[in-house]
Amino acid sequence: MHLLFAILSGVLFAGGVWLILRRSLMRIVLGLILLSHAANLVIFSSDSTRQASPPIVQEGAQVLQAPQADPLPQALILTAIVIGFGIFAFFIVLIKRTHKEAGTDEIDDLSEGDI
């Protein structure tokens, strides 16, 4: 399973970098989305993918029963998804406004006077 996660995150990173190197603003944003998904997958794969009990101390017990799941990777990924969604929505609005004002989203065609 870890090999599958490693291959998939490598493909996502490669696709994200390839899209970022294109000269269109929309492709750059899509590349950033792929990079964020790849980073989330790396964080998820850092946690073991085994069956474990929830990290809740049972009534009457003093300590957690082993093995327990680590909730930190899931919390980090959820936070990254929410923040990433807000940032990418803002990028989409900026790209739409740039396209409306300049008539293009190609970086080479944009100059300081167009925006």
PDB file of N, CA and C in Angstrom:
ATOM      1  N   MET A   1       0.813  -1.182   0.000  1.00  0.00           N
ATOM      2  CA  MET A   1       0.000   0.000   0.000  1.00  0.00           C
ATOM      3  C   MET A   1       0.866   1.260   0.000  1.00  0.00           C
ATOM      4  N   HIS A   2       1.976   1.216   0.742  1.00  0.00           N
ATOM      5  CA  HIS A   2       2.854   2.385   0.772  1.00  0.00           C
ATOM      6  C   HIS A   2       3.505   2.620  -0.588  1.00  0.00           C
ATOM      7  N   LEU A   3       3.778   1.550  -1.314  1.00  0.00           N
ATOM      8  CA  LEU A   3       4.342   1.705  -2.659  1.00  0.00           C
ATOM      9  C   LEU A   3       3.336   2.380  -3.588  1.00  0.00           C
ATOM     10  N   LEU A   4       2.079   2.013  -3.481  1.00  0.00           N
ATOM     11  CA  LEU A   4       1.029   2.643  -4.283  1.00  0.00           C
ATOM     12  C   LEU A   4       0.911   4.127  -3.957  1.00  0.00           C
ATOM     13  N   PHE A   5       0.948   4.473  -2.665  1.00  0.00           N
ATOM     14  CA  PHE A   5       0.895   5.881  -2.266  1.00  0.00           C
ATOM     15  C   PHE A   5       2.111   6.640  -2.783  1.00  0.00           C
ATOM     16  N   ALA A   6       3.277   6.017  -2.739  1.00  0.00           N
ATOM     17  CA  ALA A   6       4.495   6.682  -3.220  1.00  0.00           C
ATOM     18  C   ALA A   6       4.424   6.934  -4.728  1.00  0.00           C
ATOM     19  N   ILE A   7       3.970   5.951  -5.479  1.00  0.00           N
ATOM     20  CA  ILE A   7       3.860   6.112  -6.932  1.00  0.00           C
ATOM     21  C   ILE A   7       2.808   7.164  -7.269  1.00  0.00           C
ATOM     22  N   LEU A   8       1.659   7.103  -6.614  1.00  0.00           N
ATOM     23  CA  LEU A   8       0.590   8.060  -6.882  1.00  0.00           C
ATOM     24  C   LEU A   8       1.001   9.481  -6.513  1.00  0.00           C
ATOM     25  N   SER A   9       1.665   9.659  -5.378  1.00  0.00           N
ATOM     26  CA  SER A   9       2.103  11.010  -5.012  1.00  0.00           C
ATOM     27  C   SER A   9       3.185  11.499  -5.965  1.00  0.00           C
ATOM     28  N   GLY A  10       4.052  10.631  -6.453  1.00  0.00           N
ATOM     29  CA  GLY A  10       5.045  11.027  -7.446  1.00  0.00           C
ATOM     30  C   GLY A  10       4.404  11.463  -8.752  1.00  0.00           C
ATOM     31  N   VAL A  11       3.376  10.746  -9.183  1.00  0.00           N
ATOM     32  CA  VAL A  11       2.660  11.126 -10.408  1.00  0.00           C
ATOM     33  C   VAL A  11       1.959  12.468 -10.222  1.00  0.00           C
ATOM     34  N   LEU A  12       1.342  12.674  -9.059  1.00  0.00           N
ATOM     35  CA  LEU A  12       0.682  13.950  -8.793  1.00  0.00           C
ATOM     36  C   LEU A  12       1.685  15.101  -8.736  1.00  0.00           C
ATOM     37  N   PHE A  13       2.831  14.893  -8.095  1.00  0.00           N
ATOM     38  CA  PHE A  13       3.858  15.930  -8.055  1.00  0.00           C
ATOM     39  C   PHE A  13       4.367  16.248  -9.463  1.00  0.00           C
ATOM     40  N   ALA A  14       4.606  15.206 -10.267  1.00  0.00           N
ATOM     41  CA  ALA A  14       5.104  15.423 -11.628  1.00  0.00           C
ATOM     42  C   ALA A  14       4.077  16.166 -12.477  1.00  0.00           C
ATOM     43  N   GLY A  15       2.817  15.765 -12.376  1.00  0.00           N
ATOM     44  CA  GLY A  15       1.768  16.459 -13.125  1.00  0.00           C
ATOM     45  C   GLY A  15       1.603  17.898 -12.674  1.00  0.00           C
ATOM     46  N   GLY A  16       1.707  18.139 -11.375  1.00  0.00           N
ATOM     47  CA  GLY A  16       1.602  19.495 -10.861  1.00  0.00           C
ATOM     48  C   GLY A  16       2.736  20.387 -11.334  1.00  0.00           C
ATOM     49  N   VAL A  17       3.950  19.867 -11.305  1.00  0.00           N
ATOM     50  CA  VAL A  17       5.102  20.654 -11.782  1.00  0.00           C
ATOM     51  C   VAL A  17       4.976  20.903 -13.279  1.00  0.00           C
ATOM     52  N   TRP A  18       4.542  19.906 -14.036  1.00  0.00           N
ATOM     53  CA  TRP A  18       4.385  20.087 -15.481  1.00  0.00           C
ATOM     54  C   TRP A  18       3.361  21.175 -15.784  1.00  0.00           C
ATOM     55  N   LEU A  19       2.247  21.186 -15.047  1.00  0.00           N
ATOM     56  CA  LEU A  19       1.227  22.208 -15.275  1.00  0.00           C
ATOM     57  C   LEU A  19       1.704  23.594 -14.841  1.00  0.00           C
ATOM     58  N   ILE A  20       2.482  23.671 -13.784  1.00  0.00           N
ATOM     59  CA  ILE A  20       2.988  24.967 -13.335  1.00  0.00           C
ATOM     60  C   ILE A  20       3.941  25.565 -14.369  1.00  0.00           C
ATOM     61  N   LEU A  21       4.646  24.727 -15.092  1.00  0.00           N
ATOM     62  CA  LEU A  21       5.600  25.226 -16.094  1.00  0.00           C
ATOM     63  C   LEU A  21       4.926  25.706 -17.378  1.00  0.00           C
ATOM     64  N   ARG A  22       3.617  25.476 -17.531  1.00  0.00           N
ATOM     65  CA  ARG A  22       2.879  26.003 -18.679  1.00  0.00           C
ATOM     66  C   ARG A  22       2.698  27.500 -18.497  1.00  0.00           C
ATOM     67  N   ARG A  23       2.326  28.219 -19.534  1.00  0.00           N
ATOM     68  CA  ARG A  23       2.257  29.672 -19.475  1.00  0.00           C
ATOM     69  C   ARG A  23       0.851  30.220 -19.286  1.00  0.00           C
ATOM     70  N   SER A  24      -0.098  29.391 -18.936  1.00  0.00           N
ATOM     71  CA  SER A  24      -1.476  29.831 -18.715  1.00  0.00           C
ATOM     72  C   SER A  24      -1.747  29.909 -17.214  1.00  0.00           C
ATOM     73  N   LEU A  25      -2.419  30.966 -16.783  1.00  0.00           N
ATOM     74  CA  LEU A  25      -2.708  31.126 -15.362  1.00  0.00           C
ATOM     75  C   LEU A  25      -3.598  30.007 -14.835  1.00  0.00           C
ATOM     76  N   MET A  26      -4.566  29.553 -15.629  1.00  0.00           N
ATOM     77  CA  MET A  26      -5.458  28.480 -15.192  1.00  0.00           C
ATOM     78  C   MET A  26      -4.688  27.172 -15.006  1.00  0.00           C
ATOM     79  N   ARG A  27      -3.759  26.897 -15.883  1.00  0.00           N
ATOM     80  CA  ARG A  27      -2.956  25.677 -15.745  1.00  0.00           C
ATOM     81  C   ARG A  27      -2.042  25.758 -14.535  1.00  0.00           C
ATOM     82  N   ILE A  28      -1.571  26.938 -14.216  1.00  0.00           N
ATOM     83  CA  ILE A  28      -0.738  27.101 -13.029  1.00  0.00           C
ATOM     84  C   ILE A  28      -1.552  26.800 -11.776  1.00  0.00           C
ATOM     85  N   VAL A  29      -2.779  27.288 -11.727  1.00  0.00           N
ATOM     86  CA  VAL A  29      -3.641  27.015 -10.573  1.00  0.00           C
ATOM     87  C   VAL A  29      -3.964  25.528 -10.484  1.00  0.00           C
ATOM     88  N   LEU A  30      -4.247  24.887 -11.603  1.00  0.00           N
ATOM     89  CA  LEU A  30      -4.498  23.445 -11.588  1.00  0.00           C
ATOM     90  C   LEU A  30      -3.263  22.667 -11.137  1.00  0.00           C
ATOM     91  N   GLY A  31      -2.086  23.137 -11.530  1.00  0.00           N
ATOM     92  CA  GLY A  31      -0.849  22.510 -11.062  1.00  0.00           C
ATOM     93  C   GLY A  31      -0.672  22.656  -9.562  1.00  0.00           C
ATOM     94  N   LEU A  32      -1.018  23.819  -9.021  1.00  0.00           N
ATOM     95  CA  LEU A  32      -0.952  24.011  -7.577  1.00  0.00           C
ATOM     96  C   LEU A  32      -1.940  23.118  -6.842  1.00  0.00           C
ATOM     97  N   ILE A  33      -3.105  22.906  -7.441  1.00  0.00           N
ATOM     98  CA  ILE A  33      -4.078  21.989  -6.841  1.00  0.00           C
ATOM     99  C   ILE A  33      -3.510  20.576  -6.801  1.00  0.00           C
ATOM    100  N   LEU A  34      -2.898  20.133  -7.894  1.00  0.00           N
ATOM    101  CA  LEU A  34      -2.293  18.796  -7.912  1.00  0.00           C
ATOM    102  C   LEU A  34      -1.174  18.680  -6.891  1.00  0.00           C
ATOM    103  N   LEU A  35      -0.357  19.724  -6.759  1.00  0.00           N
ATOM    104  CA  LEU A  35       0.722  19.695  -5.768  1.00  0.00           C
ATOM    105  C   LEU A  35       0.174  19.610  -4.351  1.00  0.00           C
ATOM    106  N   SER A  36      -0.913  20.320  -4.071  1.00  0.00           N
ATOM    107  CA  SER A  36      -1.476  20.249  -2.720  1.00  0.00           C
ATOM    108  C   SER A  36      -2.071  18.869  -2.445  1.00  0.00           C
ATOM    109  N   HIS A  37      -2.690  18.265  -3.462  1.00  0.00           N
ATOM    110  CA  HIS A  37      -3.214  16.902  -3.265  1.00  0.00           C
ATOM    111  C   HIS A  37      -2.076  15.906  -3.057  1.00  0.00           C
ATOM    112  N   ALA A  38      -0.983  16.095  -3.764  1.00  0.00           N
ATOM    113  CA  ALA A  38       0.165  15.207  -3.572  1.00  0.00           C
ATOM    114  C   ALA A  38       0.747  15.366  -2.174  1.00  0.00           C
ATOM    115  N   ALA A  39       0.836  16.598  -1.692  1.00  0.00           N
ATOM    116  CA  ALA A  39       1.342  16.818  -0.338  1.00  0.00           C
ATOM    117  C   ALA A  39       0.404  16.205   0.699  1.00  0.00           C
ATOM    118  N   ASN A  40      -0.897  16.306   0.488  1.00  0.00           N
ATOM    119  CA  ASN A  40      -1.858  15.672   1.404  1.00  0.00           C
ATOM    120  C   ASN A  40      -1.703  14.160   1.397  1.00  0.00           C
ATOM    121  N   LEU A  41      -1.445  13.586   0.244  1.00  0.00           N
ATOM    122  CA  LEU A  41      -1.251  12.141   0.161  1.00  0.00           C
ATOM    123  C   LEU A  41       0.025  11.714   0.874  1.00  0.00           C
ATOM    124  N   VAL A  42       1.071  12.517   0.781  1.00  0.00           N
ATOM    125  CA  VAL A  42       2.310  12.206   1.501  1.00  0.00           C
ATOM    126  C   VAL A  42       2.081  12.265   3.008  1.00  0.00           C
ATOM    127  N   ILE A  43       1.342  13.275   3.468  1.00  0.00           N
ATOM    128  CA  ILE A  43       1.032  13.362   4.900  1.00  0.00           C
ATOM    129  C   ILE A  43       0.185  12.170   5.332  1.00  0.00           C
ATOM    130  N   PHE A  44      -0.785  11.797   4.507  1.00  0.00           N
ATOM    131  CA  PHE A  44      -1.627  10.650   4.843  1.00  0.00           C
ATOM    132  C   PHE A  44      -0.823   9.363   4.886  1.00  0.00           C
ATOM    133  N   SER A  45       0.108   9.196   3.970  1.00  0.00           N
ATOM    134  CA  SER A  45       0.887   7.957   3.935  1.00  0.00           C
ATOM    135  C   SER A  45       1.946   7.917   5.029  1.00  0.00           C
ATOM    136  N   SER A  46       2.225   9.059   5.679  1.00  0.00           N
ATOM    137  CA  SER A  46       3.177   9.030   6.783  1.00  0.00           C
ATOM    138  C   SER A  46       2.596   8.301   7.986  1.00  0.00           C
ATOM    139  N   ASP A  47       1.283   8.295   8.098  1.00  0.00           N
ATOM    140  CA  ASP A  47       0.617   7.536   9.139  1.00  0.00           C
ATOM    141  C   ASP A  47       0.499   6.092   8.663  1.00  0.00           C
ATOM    142  N   SER A  48       0.561   5.163   9.581  1.00  0.00           N
ATOM    143  CA  SER A  48       0.422   3.761   9.177  1.00  0.00           C
ATOM    144  C   SER A  48      -1.020   3.502   8.775  1.00  0.00           C
ATOM    145  N   THR A  49      -1.204   2.635   7.810  1.00  0.00           N
ATOM    146  CA  THR A  49      -2.541   2.341   7.281  1.00  0.00           C
ATOM    147  C   THR A  49      -3.076   1.026   7.848  1.00  0.00           C
ATOM    148  N   ARG A  50      -2.850   0.797   9.127  1.00  0.00           N
ATOM    149  CA  ARG A  50      -3.323  -0.439   9.758  1.00  0.00           C
ATOM    150  C   ARG A  50      -4.617  -0.176  10.509  1.00  0.00           C
ATOM    151  N   GLN A  51      -5.305  -1.247  10.847  1.00  0.00           N
ATOM    152  CA  GLN A  51      -6.516  -1.127  11.654  1.00  0.00           C
ATOM    153  C   GLN A  51      -6.115  -0.811  13.089  1.00  0.00           C
ATOM    154  N   ALA A  52      -6.734   0.192  13.665  1.00  0.00           N
ATOM    155  CA  ALA A  52      -6.421   0.576  15.042  1.00  0.00           C
ATOM    156  C   ALA A  52      -7.678   1.101  15.706  1.00  0.00           C
ATOM    157  N   SER A  53      -7.654   1.085  17.016  1.00  0.00           N
ATOM    158  CA  SER A  53      -8.812   1.586  17.756  1.00  0.00           C
ATOM    159  C   SER A  53      -8.756   3.112  17.819  1.00  0.00           C
ATOM    160  N   PRO A  54      -9.888   3.751  17.997  1.00  0.00           N
ATOM    161  CA  PRO A  54      -9.878   5.214  18.105  1.00  0.00           C
ATOM    162  C   PRO A  54      -9.139   5.652  19.370  1.00  0.00           C
ATOM    163  N   PRO A  55      -8.511   6.820  19.328  1.00  0.00           N
ATOM    164  CA  PRO A  55      -7.725   7.265  20.482  1.00  0.00           C
ATOM    165  C   PRO A  55      -8.595   7.822  21.606  1.00  0.00           C
ATOM    166  N   ILE A  56      -9.427   6.969  22.165  1.00  0.00           N
ATOM    167  CA  ILE A  56     -10.327   7.346  23.250  1.00  0.00           C
ATOM    168  C   ILE A  56     -10.038   6.426  24.431  1.00  0.00           C
ATOM    169  N   VAL A  57      -9.830   7.013  25.595  1.00  0.00           N
ATOM    170  CA  VAL A  57      -9.592   6.222  26.802  1.00  0.00           C
ATOM    171  C   VAL A  57     -10.927   5.630  27.246  1.00  0.00           C
ATOM    172  N   GLN A  58     -10.953   4.316  27.378  1.00  0.00           N
ATOM    173  CA  GLN A  58     -12.178   3.626  27.777  1.00  0.00           C
ATOM    174  C   GLN A  58     -12.537   3.969  29.220  1.00  0.00           C
ATOM    175  N   GLU A  59     -13.804   3.854  29.540  1.00  0.00           N
ATOM    176  CA  GLU A  59     -14.266   4.168  30.887  1.00  0.00           C
ATOM    177  C   GLU A  59     -13.646   3.198  31.882  1.00  0.00           C
ATOM    178  N   GLY A  60     -13.052   3.734  32.919  1.00  0.00           N
ATOM    179  CA  GLY A  60     -12.420   2.911  33.945  1.00  0.00           C
ATOM    180  C   GLY A  60     -10.953   2.619  33.667  1.00  0.00           C
ATOM    181  N   ALA A  61     -10.451   2.919  32.464  1.00  0.00           N
ATOM    182  CA  ALA A  61      -9.042   2.660  32.135  1.00  0.00           C
ATOM    183  C   ALA A  61      -8.205   3.906  32.432  1.00  0.00           C
ATOM    184  N   GLN A  62      -6.914   3.713  32.605  1.00  0.00           N
ATOM    185  CA  GLN A  62      -6.005   4.809  32.893  1.00  0.00           C
ATOM    186  C   GLN A  62      -5.233   5.271  31.647  1.00  0.00           C
ATOM    187  N   VAL A  63      -5.027   4.364  30.704  1.00  0.00           N
ATOM    188  CA  VAL A  63      -4.248   4.671  29.507  1.00  0.00           C
ATOM    189  C   VAL A  63      -4.980   4.165  28.267  1.00  0.00           C
ATOM    190  N   LEU A  64      -4.504   4.580  27.096  1.00  0.00           N
ATOM    191  CA  LEU A  64      -5.067   4.097  25.836  1.00  0.00           C
ATOM    192  C   LEU A  64      -4.681   2.655  25.604  1.00  0.00           C
ATOM    193  N   GLN A  65      -5.570   1.930  24.932  1.00  0.00           N
ATOM    194  CA  GLN A  65      -5.248   0.558  24.558  1.00  0.00           C
ATOM    195  C   GLN A  65      -4.502   0.581  23.233  1.00  0.00           C
ATOM    196  N   ALA A  66      -3.449  -0.195  23.136  1.00  0.00           N
ATOM    197  CA  ALA A  66      -2.664  -0.259  21.901  1.00  0.00           C
ATOM    198  C   ALA A  66      -3.294  -1.286  20.978  1.00  0.00           C
ATOM    199  N   PRO A  67      -3.239  -1.138  19.679  1.00  0.00           N
ATOM    200  CA  PRO A  67      -2.779   0.026  18.925  1.00  0.00           C
ATOM    201  C   PRO A  67      -3.904   1.045  18.770  1.00  0.00           C
ATOM    202  N   GLN A  68      -3.570   2.293  18.856  1.00  0.00           N
ATOM    203  CA  GLN A  68      -4.562   3.347  18.656  1.00  0.00           C
ATOM    204  C   GLN A  68      -4.178   4.180  17.438  1.00  0.00           C
ATOM    205  N   ALA A  69      -5.186   4.743  16.808  1.00  0.00           N
ATOM    206  CA  ALA A  69      -4.984   5.544  15.608  1.00  0.00           C
ATOM    207  C   ALA A  69      -4.459   6.925  15.993  1.00  0.00           C
ATOM    208  N   ASP A  70      -3.638   7.501  15.136  1.00  0.00           N
ATOM    209  CA  ASP A  70      -3.118   8.846  15.350  1.00  0.00           C
ATOM    210  C   ASP A  70      -3.999   9.825  14.575  1.00  0.00           C
ATOM    211  N   PRO A  71      -4.728  10.715  15.240  1.00  0.00           N
ATOM    212  CA  PRO A  71      -5.632  11.616  14.526  1.00  0.00           C
ATOM    213  C   PRO A  71      -4.935  12.825  13.905  1.00  0.00           C
ATOM    214  N   LEU A  72      -3.665  13.042  14.208  1.00  0.00           N
ATOM    215  CA  LEU A  72      -2.988  14.243  13.729  1.00  0.00           C
ATOM    216  C   LEU A  72      -2.871  14.309  12.206  1.00  0.00           C
ATOM    217  N   PRO A  73      -2.471  13.238  11.493  1.00  0.00           N
ATOM    218  CA  PRO A  73      -2.401  13.354  10.028  1.00  0.00           C
ATOM    219  C   PRO A  73      -3.743  13.689   9.385  1.00  0.00           C
ATOM    220  N   GLN A  74      -4.823  13.083   9.866  1.00  0.00           N
ATOM    221  CA  GLN A  74      -6.130  13.404   9.301  1.00  0.00           C
ATOM    222  C   GLN A  74      -6.520  14.853   9.592  1.00  0.00           C
ATOM    223  N   ALA A  75      -6.192  15.353  10.775  1.00  0.00           N
ATOM    224  CA  ALA A  75      -6.507  16.743  11.108  1.00  0.00           C
ATOM    225  C   ALA A  75      -5.698  17.701  10.241  1.00  0.00           C
ATOM    226  N   LEU A  76      -4.429  17.390  10.000  1.00  0.00           N
ATOM    227  CA  LEU A  76      -3.599  18.239   9.135  1.00  0.00           C
ATOM    228  C   LEU A  76      -4.121  18.255   7.705  1.00  0.00           C
ATOM    229  N   ILE A  77      -4.524  17.100   7.204  1.00  0.00           N
ATOM    230  CA  ILE A  77      -5.031  17.018   5.841  1.00  0.00           C
ATOM    231  C   ILE A  77      -6.354  17.775   5.713  1.00  0.00           C
ATOM    232  N   LEU A  78      -7.242  17.623   6.690  1.00  0.00           N
ATOM    233  CA  LEU A  78      -8.514  18.334   6.641  1.00  0.00           C
ATOM    234  C   LEU A  78      -8.298  19.843   6.664  1.00  0.00           C
ATOM    235  N   THR A  79      -7.387  20.310   7.496  1.00  0.00           N
ATOM    236  CA  THR A  79      -7.077  21.735   7.540  1.00  0.00           C
ATOM    237  C   THR A  79      -6.491  22.209   6.219  1.00  0.00           C
ATOM    238  N   ALA A  80      -5.600  21.423   5.642  1.00  0.00           N
ATOM    239  CA  ALA A  80      -4.992  21.791   4.354  1.00  0.00           C
ATOM    240  C   ALA A  80      -6.026  21.838   3.239  1.00  0.00           C
ATOM    241  N   ILE A  81      -6.986  20.919   3.252  1.00  0.00           N
ATOM    242  CA  ILE A  81      -8.025  20.921   2.225  1.00  0.00           C
ATOM    243  C   ILE A  81      -8.891  22.170   2.330  1.00  0.00           C
ATOM    244  N   VAL A  82      -9.278  22.536   3.540  1.00  0.00           N
ATOM    245  CA  VAL A  82     -10.140  23.706   3.727  1.00  0.00           C
ATOM    246  C   VAL A  82      -9.414  24.990   3.339  1.00  0.00           C
ATOM    247  N   ILE A  83      -8.185  25.161   3.798  1.00  0.00           N
ATOM    248  CA  ILE A  83      -7.420  26.356   3.452  1.00  0.00           C
ATOM    249  C   ILE A  83      -7.123  26.390   1.957  1.00  0.00           C
ATOM    250  N   GLY A  84      -6.766  25.248   1.389  1.00  0.00           N
ATOM    251  CA  GLY A  84      -6.486  25.176  -0.045  1.00  0.00           C
ATOM    252  C   GLY A  84      -7.693  25.515  -0.888  1.00  0.00           C
ATOM    253  N   PHE A  85      -8.879  25.062  -0.474  1.00  0.00           N
ATOM    254  CA  PHE A  85     -10.086  25.385  -1.224  1.00  0.00           C
ATOM    255  C   PHE A  85     -10.326  26.886  -1.246  1.00  0.00           C
ATOM    256  N   GLY A  86     -10.153  27.548  -0.115  1.00  0.00           N
ATOM    257  CA  GLY A  86     -10.339  28.996  -0.066  1.00  0.00           C
ATOM    258  C   GLY A  86      -9.343  29.735  -0.940  1.00  0.00           C
ATOM    259  N   ILE A  87      -8.100  29.316  -0.901  1.00  0.00           N
ATOM    260  CA  ILE A  87      -7.065  29.970  -1.711  1.00  0.00           C
ATOM    261  C   ILE A  87      -7.322  29.753  -3.199  1.00  0.00           C
ATOM    262  N   PHE A  88      -7.690  28.540  -3.577  1.00  0.00           N
ATOM    263  CA  PHE A  88      -7.911  28.268  -4.993  1.00  0.00           C
ATOM    264  C   PHE A  88      -9.165  28.962  -5.515  1.00  0.00           C
ATOM    265  N   ALA A  89     -10.181  29.110  -4.679  1.00  0.00           N
ATOM    266  CA  ALA A  89     -11.365  29.872  -5.091  1.00  0.00           C
ATOM    267  C   ALA A  89     -10.985  31.332  -5.336  1.00  0.00           C
ATOM    268  N   PHE A  90     -10.137  31.877  -4.473  1.00  0.00           N
ATOM    269  CA  PHE A  90      -9.652  33.249  -4.661  1.00  0.00           C
ATOM    270  C   PHE A  90      -8.838  33.361  -5.942  1.00  0.00           C
ATOM    271  N   PHE A  91      -7.981  32.375  -6.233  1.00  0.00           N
ATOM    272  CA  PHE A  91      -7.198  32.378  -7.478  1.00  0.00           C
ATOM    273  C   PHE A  91      -8.097  32.351  -8.703  1.00  0.00           C
ATOM    274  N   ILE A  92      -9.150  31.551  -8.659  1.00  0.00           N
ATOM    275  CA  ILE A  92     -10.054  31.455  -9.802  1.00  0.00           C
ATOM    276  C   ILE A  92     -10.716  32.804 -10.068  1.00  0.00           C
ATOM    277  N   VAL A  93     -11.134  33.489  -9.002  1.00  0.00           N
ATOM    278  CA  VAL A  93     -11.744  34.810  -9.171  1.00  0.00           C
ATOM    279  C   VAL A  93     -10.729  35.790  -9.755  1.00  0.00           C
ATOM    280  N   LEU A  94      -9.494  35.750  -9.282  1.00  0.00           N
ATOM    281  CA  LEU A  94      -8.459  36.637  -9.828  1.00  0.00           C
ATOM    282  C   LEU A  94      -8.178  36.345 -11.297  1.00  0.00           C
ATOM    283  N   ILE A  95      -8.144  35.075 -11.669  1.00  0.00           N
ATOM    284  CA  ILE A  95      -7.895  34.716 -13.065  1.00  0.00           C
ATOM    285  C   ILE A  95      -9.062  35.171 -13.942  1.00  0.00           C
ATOM    286  N   LYS A  96     -10.289  34.996 -13.448  1.00  0.00           N
ATOM    287  CA  LYS A  96     -11.452  35.437 -14.221  1.00  0.00           C
ATOM    288  C   LYS A  96     -11.405  36.946 -14.429  1.00  0.00           C
ATOM    289  N   ARG A  97     -11.061  37.686 -13.396  1.00  0.00           N
ATOM    290  CA  ARG A  97     -10.975  39.145 -13.509  1.00  0.00           C
ATOM    291  C   ARG A  97      -9.844  39.554 -14.455  1.00  0.00           C
ATOM    292  N   THR A  98      -8.711  38.870 -14.373  1.00  0.00           N
ATOM    293  CA  THR A  98      -7.599  39.166 -15.271  1.00  0.00           C
ATOM    294  C   THR A  98      -7.980  38.888 -16.715  1.00  0.00           C
ATOM    295  N   HIS A  99      -8.670  37.777 -16.952  1.00  0.00           N
ATOM    296  CA  HIS A  99      -9.092  37.445 -18.309  1.00  0.00           C
ATOM    297  C   HIS A  99     -10.102  38.469 -18.827  1.00  0.00           C
ATOM    298  N   LYS A 100     -10.975  38.956 -17.953  1.00  0.00           N
ATOM    299  CA  LYS A 100     -11.964  39.949 -18.360  1.00  0.00           C
ATOM    300  C   LYS A 100     -11.291  41.280 -18.707  1.00  0.00           C
ATOM    301  N   GLU A 101     -10.306  41.681 -17.931  1.00  0.00           N
ATOM    302  CA  GLU A 101      -9.642  42.967 -18.154  1.00  0.00           C
ATOM    303  C   GLU A 101      -8.648  42.912 -19.308  1.00  0.00           C
ATOM    304  N   ALA A 102      -7.848  41.843 -19.376  1.00  0.00           N
ATOM    305  CA  ALA A 102      -6.776  41.767 -20.367  1.00  0.00           C
ATOM    306  C   ALA A 102      -7.173  41.004 -21.620  1.00  0.00           C
ATOM    307  N   GLY A 103      -8.184  40.158 -21.541  1.00  0.00           N
ATOM    308  CA  GLY A 103      -8.604  39.388 -22.700  1.00  0.00           C
ATOM    309  C   GLY A 103      -7.820  38.099 -22.902  1.00  0.00           C
ATOM    310  N   THR A 104      -6.901  37.793 -22.008  1.00  0.00           N
ATOM    311  CA  THR A 104      -6.111  36.568 -22.113  1.00  0.00           C
ATOM    312  C   THR A 104      -5.664  36.140 -20.726  1.00  0.00           C
ATOM    313  N   ASP A 105      -5.305  34.871 -20.606  1.00  0.00           N
ATOM    314  CA  ASP A 105      -4.720  34.406 -19.352  1.00  0.00           C
ATOM    315  C   ASP A 105      -3.301  33.878 -19.564  1.00  0.00           C
ATOM    316  N   GLU A 106      -2.749  34.109 -20.744  1.00  0.00           N
ATOM    317  CA  GLU A 106      -1.368  33.727 -21.021  1.00  0.00           C
ATOM    318  C   GLU A 106      -0.428  34.727 -20.364  1.00  0.00           C
ATOM    319  N   ILE A 107       0.559  34.243 -19.636  1.00  0.00           N
ATOM    320  CA  ILE A 107       1.466  35.112 -18.914  1.00  0.00           C
ATOM    321  C   ILE A 107       2.300  35.964 -19.856  1.00  0.00           C
ATOM    322  N   ASP A 108       2.703  35.404 -20.991  1.00  0.00           N
ATOM    323  CA  ASP A 108       3.533  36.160 -21.939  1.00  0.00           C
ATOM    324  C   ASP A 108       2.775  37.340 -22.550  1.00  0.00           C
ATOM    325  N   ASP A 109       1.466  37.209 -22.696  1.00  0.00           N
ATOM    326  CA  ASP A 109       0.672  38.270 -23.311  1.00  0.00           C
ATOM    327  C   ASP A 109       0.282  39.378 -22.327  1.00  0.00           C
ATOM    328  N   LEU A 110       0.422  39.108 -21.044  1.00  0.00           N
ATOM    329  CA  LEU A 110       0.078  40.113 -20.046  1.00  0.00           C
ATOM    330  C   LEU A 110       1.239  41.082 -19.866  1.00  0.00           C
ATOM    331  N   SER A 111       0.951  42.353 -19.811  1.00  0.00           N
ATOM    332  CA  SER A 111       1.982  43.343 -19.508  1.00  0.00           C
ATOM    333  C   SER A 111       1.478  44.193 -18.357  1.00  0.00           C
ATOM    334  N   GLU A 112       2.321  45.072 -17.861  1.00  0.00           N
ATOM    335  CA  GLU A 112       1.949  45.882 -16.715  1.00  0.00           C
ATOM    336  C   GLU A 112       0.793  46.820 -17.032  1.00  0.00           C
ATOM    337  N   GLY A 113       0.641  47.242 -18.255  1.00  0.00           N
ATOM    338  CA  GLY A 113      -0.420  48.166 -18.622  1.00  0.00           C
ATOM    339  C   GLY A 113      -1.770  47.496 -18.823  1.00  0.00           C
ATOM    340  N   ASP A 114      -1.805  46.176 -18.986  1.00  0.00           N
ATOM    341  CA  ASP A 114      -3.059  45.475 -19.232  1.00  0.00           C
ATOM    342  C   ASP A 114      -3.911  45.299 -17.984  1.00  0.00           C
ATOM    343  N   ILE A 115      -3.286  45.241 -16.839  1.00  0.00           N
ATOM    344  CA  ILE A 115      -4.037  44.918 -15.625  1.00  0.00           C
ATOM    345  C   ILE A 115      -4.273  46.163 -14.805  1.00  0.00           C
TER     346      ILE A 115
END
